[in-house]
Protein backbone atom coordinates (compact mmCIF):
# COMPACT_ATOMS: atom_id res chain seq x y z
CA MET A 1 228.97 208.86 -51.66
CA ASN A 2 226.27 210.27 -53.86
CA ILE A 3 222.90 211.66 -52.38
CA GLU A 4 220.71 208.78 -53.47
CA ALA A 5 223.34 206.58 -51.22
CA ARG A 6 222.85 208.49 -48.41
CA LYS A 7 219.01 208.49 -48.39
CA GLU A 8 219.29 204.95 -48.42
CA GLN A 9 221.48 204.76 -45.72
CA ARG A 10 219.46 207.15 -43.71
CA ARG A 11 216.48 204.60 -44.32
CA LYS A 12 218.17 201.56 -43.28
CA THR A 13 219.72 203.05 -40.26
CA SER A 14 216.54 205.08 -38.70
CA GLY A 15 214.30 201.96 -39.70
CA ASN A 16 211.99 203.32 -42.28
CA ASP A 17 211.32 201.88 -45.52
CA ARG A 18 209.44 203.30 -48.33
CA THR A 19 206.30 203.19 -47.57
CA LYS A 20 206.05 204.80 -44.57
CA PRO A 21 205.80 208.46 -45.17
CA ALA A 22 208.70 210.70 -43.66
CA SER A 23 208.27 212.44 -40.44
CA GLY A 24 208.81 215.80 -39.83
CA PRO A 25 209.42 219.06 -42.10
CA VAL A 26 210.87 218.16 -45.54
CA ARG A 27 214.15 220.23 -46.24
CA GLY A 28 213.43 222.78 -48.79
CA ALA A 29 209.95 221.95 -48.89
CA ALA A 30 207.59 225.19 -48.28
CA SER A 31 205.35 224.53 -45.08
CA ALA A 32 201.70 225.99 -45.11
CA PRO A 33 200.95 228.96 -42.78
CA LYS A 34 199.20 228.31 -39.77
CA PRO A 35 195.96 229.60 -39.66
CA LYS A 36 195.51 232.38 -37.22
CA PRO A 37 192.65 232.12 -34.72
CA PRO A 38 189.41 234.12 -34.91
CA VAL A 39 189.43 237.48 -33.27
CA THR A 40 186.58 237.75 -30.96
CA LYS A 41 185.71 240.65 -28.65
CA THR A 42 184.48 240.19 -25.30
CA ALA A 43 183.67 243.01 -23.14
CA ASP A 44 186.85 241.62 -20.65
CA SER A 45 189.24 241.46 -23.41
CA ASP A 46 191.54 244.37 -24.75
CA VAL A 47 191.48 242.93 -28.63
CA SER A 48 192.36 246.18 -29.97
CA SER A 49 195.70 248.27 -29.39
CA TRP A 50 195.08 251.76 -29.85
CA THR A 51 193.23 254.06 -27.62
CA PHE A 52 191.78 257.82 -28.21
CA LEU A 53 194.81 259.37 -26.45
CA SER A 54 198.33 259.51 -27.61
CA ASN A 55 201.61 258.31 -25.48
CA HIS A 56 202.52 261.84 -25.49
CA THR A 57 199.12 262.77 -23.25
CA HIS A 58 199.42 259.73 -21.54
CA VAL A 59 203.07 260.89 -20.31
CA LEU A 60 201.62 264.76 -19.37
CA VAL A 61 198.83 262.77 -17.84
CA CYS A 62 201.35 260.59 -15.13
CA LEU A 63 203.70 263.59 -15.09
CA ALA A 64 200.52 265.74 -13.77
CA ALA A 65 199.34 263.39 -11.44
CA ASP A 66 202.60 263.14 -9.87
CA PRO A 67 205.58 265.61 -11.03
CA GLU A 68 208.19 263.37 -9.11
CA SER A 69 207.84 260.22 -10.66
CA THR A 70 210.78 258.54 -12.34
CA LEU A 71 210.80 257.80 -16.07
CA ARG A 72 210.57 253.91 -15.41
CA ASP A 73 207.83 254.43 -13.36
CA VAL A 74 206.00 256.63 -15.99
CA ALA A 75 207.21 254.04 -18.49
CA ALA A 76 205.43 251.25 -16.72
CA ARG A 77 202.17 252.99 -16.37
CA VAL A 78 201.85 253.89 -20.05
CA GLY A 79 203.16 250.61 -21.09
CA ILE A 80 206.03 251.90 -23.45
CA THR A 81 209.45 251.57 -23.13
CA GLU A 82 211.92 253.78 -20.96
CA ARG A 83 213.33 255.26 -23.81
CA ALA A 84 209.83 256.13 -25.52
CA VAL A 85 209.29 258.20 -22.43
CA GLN A 86 212.95 260.14 -22.73
CA ARG A 87 212.43 260.75 -26.29
CA ILE A 88 208.42 261.88 -25.58
CA VAL A 89 209.63 264.14 -22.74
CA ALA A 90 212.50 265.44 -24.80
CA GLU A 91 209.92 266.55 -27.48
CA LEU A 92 207.47 267.89 -24.61
CA GLU A 93 210.11 270.11 -23.19
CA ALA A 94 211.32 271.51 -26.89
CA ALA A 95 207.98 272.38 -27.48
CA GLY A 96 207.58 274.07 -24.02
CA ALA A 97 204.63 271.80 -22.65
CA LEU A 98 207.01 270.94 -19.80
CA VAL A 99 209.97 272.27 -17.84
CA ARG A 100 212.43 269.58 -16.24
CA GLU A 101 213.96 270.64 -12.79
CA ARG A 102 217.08 268.99 -11.49
CA ASP A 103 216.31 267.99 -7.79
CA GLY A 104 219.52 266.35 -6.64
CA ARG A 105 219.47 262.86 -8.69
CA ARG A 106 216.00 263.22 -9.42
CA ASN A 107 214.11 265.32 -12.08
CA ARG A 108 210.96 267.31 -11.27
CA TYR A 109 208.72 267.80 -14.07
CA GLN A 110 206.52 271.20 -14.49
CA LEU A 111 203.93 271.65 -17.01
CA ASP A 112 202.58 274.52 -18.37
CA LEU A 113 199.03 274.16 -18.59
CA SER A 114 198.21 277.02 -20.47
CA LEU A 115 199.91 275.56 -23.89
CA PRO A 116 197.00 275.35 -26.80
CA LEU A 117 196.88 271.82 -27.68
CA ARG A 118 198.89 271.59 -31.16
CA HIS A 119 196.56 270.03 -33.93
CA PRO A 120 194.61 272.97 -35.87
CA LEU A 121 190.96 271.27 -34.47
CA GLU A 122 192.23 271.18 -31.07
CA GLN A 123 194.06 274.40 -30.76
CA HIS A 124 191.12 275.92 -28.71
CA CYS A 125 191.37 273.62 -26.07
CA ARG A 126 194.61 273.68 -23.33
CA ILE A 127 196.81 271.38 -22.26
CA GLY A 128 195.80 271.63 -18.56
CA ASP A 129 192.31 271.10 -19.98
CA VAL A 130 192.55 267.94 -21.22
CA LEU A 131 194.33 267.14 -18.35
CA ASP A 132 192.13 268.77 -15.86
CA LEU A 133 189.64 266.32 -17.82
CA VAL A 134 191.09 263.12 -17.56
CA LEU A 135 192.61 263.24 -13.66
CA ARG A 136 189.47 264.60 -12.48
CA ALA A 137 187.27 261.31 -13.90
CA ALA A 138 190.30 259.51 -12.33
CA ALA A 139 190.02 260.91 -8.97
């Protein structure tokens, strides 16, 4: 059975005739992209996903506020995956910003607040200065 005969048979079984447009998408035809809704900024909606502080800083803030937090809790508070928090903690530990102490089955984190920030524009500040500013404002 050739292609034209199959099309004719489908038309007969579906009740469609040539005067009716085919319903549904046509195979192989490119569909027009759906328009995106306009982005409106309101005071109570978070339109943008960027923040002034990095995820590294967010993790440090969480661990400074509660050194016995689990990484799962930190991930939930920061809004990133637990695996991302594990990577960030490993990087902060390698940089000397924190020390991980094993306490039974849990970890306790001790921060080095005297360590300067890494970027040349911020090296005059210490980790403790930033954490003090953020945690003091939260209290």
